[in-house]
């Protein structure tokens, strides 16, 4: 299911947007994992990717 989450966002975004979304998501996951020892579930990852894509698009506008 994890791969499908990435494919879903990839199909909605340009390559540049997708790279930026992955960077934002990776930074967020690293911060929460290291700082709070929090694990990211698949549903949380999907939500994080969707929100990151919205953020990237709103900044580009």
C-alpha atoms as a PDB file:
ATOM      1  CA  UNK A   1       0.000   0.000   0.000  1.00  0.00           C
ATOM      2  CA  UNK A   2       2.882   2.372   0.669  1.00  0.00           C
ATOM      3  CA  UNK A   3       3.978   2.395  -2.962  1.00  0.00           C
ATOM      4  CA  UNK A   4       0.420   3.160  -4.061  1.00  0.00           C
ATOM      5  CA  UNK A   5       0.430   6.241  -1.860  1.00  0.00           C
ATOM      6  CA  UNK A   6       3.463   7.605  -3.711  1.00  0.00           C
ATOM      7  CA  UNK A   7       1.992   6.663  -7.099  1.00  0.00           C
ATOM      8  CA  UNK A   8      -1.216   8.509  -6.244  1.00  0.00           C
ATOM      9  CA  UNK A   9       0.628  11.744  -5.477  1.00  0.00           C
ATOM     10  CA  UNK A  10       3.004  11.262  -8.418  1.00  0.00           C
ATOM     11  CA  UNK A  11       0.058  11.057 -10.804  1.00  0.00           C
ATOM     12  CA  UNK A  12      -1.310  14.374  -9.485  1.00  0.00           C
ATOM     13  CA  UNK A  13       1.960  16.329  -9.513  1.00  0.00           C
ATOM     14  CA  UNK A  14       4.635  17.455 -11.920  1.00  0.00           C
ATOM     15  CA  UNK A  15       8.121  16.008 -11.428  1.00  0.00           C
ATOM     16  CA  UNK A  16       9.303  19.193  -9.750  1.00  0.00           C
ATOM     17  CA  UNK A  17       6.284  19.294  -7.429  1.00  0.00           C
ATOM     18  CA  UNK A  18       6.757  15.622  -6.586  1.00  0.00           C
ATOM     19  CA  UNK A  19      10.412  16.150  -5.660  1.00  0.00           C
ATOM     20  CA  UNK A  20       9.470  19.060  -3.405  1.00  0.00           C
ATOM     21  CA  UNK A  21       6.639  17.061  -1.788  1.00  0.00           C
ATOM     22  CA  UNK A  22       9.035  14.198  -1.045  1.00  0.00           C
ATOM     23  CA  UNK A  23      11.567  16.597   0.467  1.00  0.00           C
ATOM     24  CA  UNK A  24       8.941  18.165   2.735  1.00  0.00           C
ATOM     25  CA  UNK A  25       7.567  14.776   3.780  1.00  0.00           C
ATOM     26  CA  UNK A  26      11.036  13.352   4.429  1.00  0.00           C
ATOM     27  CA  UNK A  27      12.024  16.334   6.574  1.00  0.00           C
ATOM     28  CA  UNK A  28       8.777  16.073   8.554  1.00  0.00           C
ATOM     29  CA  UNK A  29       9.152  12.337   9.120  1.00  0.00           C
ATOM     30  CA  UNK A  30      12.802  12.694  10.173  1.00  0.00           C
ATOM     31  CA  UNK A  31      11.935  15.480  12.621  1.00  0.00           C
ATOM     32  CA  UNK A  32       9.112  13.509  14.226  1.00  0.00           C
ATOM     33  CA  UNK A  33      11.037  10.250  14.287  1.00  0.00           C
ATOM     34  CA  UNK A  34      14.174  11.715  15.842  1.00  0.00           C
ATOM     35  CA  UNK A  35      12.569  14.368  18.036  1.00  0.00           C
ATOM     36  CA  UNK A  36       9.562  12.461  19.330  1.00  0.00           C
ATOM     37  CA  UNK A  37      10.325   8.821  18.437  1.00  0.00           C
ATOM     38  CA  UNK A  38       7.066   8.818  16.466  1.00  0.00           C
ATOM     39  CA  UNK A  39       6.501   6.337  13.638  1.00  0.00           C
ATOM     40  CA  UNK A  40       4.586   7.318  10.520  1.00  0.00           C
ATOM     41  CA  UNK A  41       1.702   5.056   9.514  1.00  0.00           C
ATOM     42  CA  UNK A  42       0.599   4.638   5.892  1.00  0.00           C
ATOM     43  CA  UNK A  43      -2.582   6.668   6.399  1.00  0.00           C
ATOM     44  CA  UNK A  44      -0.561   9.464   8.004  1.00  0.00           C
ATOM     45  CA  UNK A  45       1.885   9.341   5.091  1.00  0.00           C
ATOM     46  CA  UNK A  46      -0.941   9.742   2.569  1.00  0.00           C
ATOM     47  CA  UNK A  47      -2.314  12.716   4.485  1.00  0.00           C
ATOM     48  CA  UNK A  48       1.163  14.248   4.777  1.00  0.00           C
ATOM     49  CA  UNK A  49       1.833  13.856   1.039  1.00  0.00           C
ATOM     50  CA  UNK A  50      -1.530  15.335   0.073  1.00  0.00           C
ATOM     51  CA  UNK A  51      -1.080  18.310   2.381  1.00  0.00           C
ATOM     52  CA  UNK A  52       2.486  18.840   1.170  1.00  0.00           C
ATOM     53  CA  UNK A  53       1.285  18.895  -2.445  1.00  0.00           C
ATOM     54  CA  UNK A  54      -1.343  21.507  -1.566  1.00  0.00           C
ATOM     55  CA  UNK A  55       1.343  23.552   0.179  1.00  0.00           C
ATOM     56  CA  UNK A  56       3.707  23.374  -2.792  1.00  0.00           C
ATOM     57  CA  UNK A  57       0.965  24.409  -5.190  1.00  0.00           C
ATOM     58  CA  UNK A  58      -0.176  27.301  -3.004  1.00  0.00           C
ATOM     59  CA  UNK A  59       3.362  28.661  -2.805  1.00  0.00           C
ATOM     60  CA  UNK A  60       3.776  28.419  -6.584  1.00  0.00           C
ATOM     61  CA  UNK A  61       0.572  30.349  -7.270  1.00  0.00           C
END
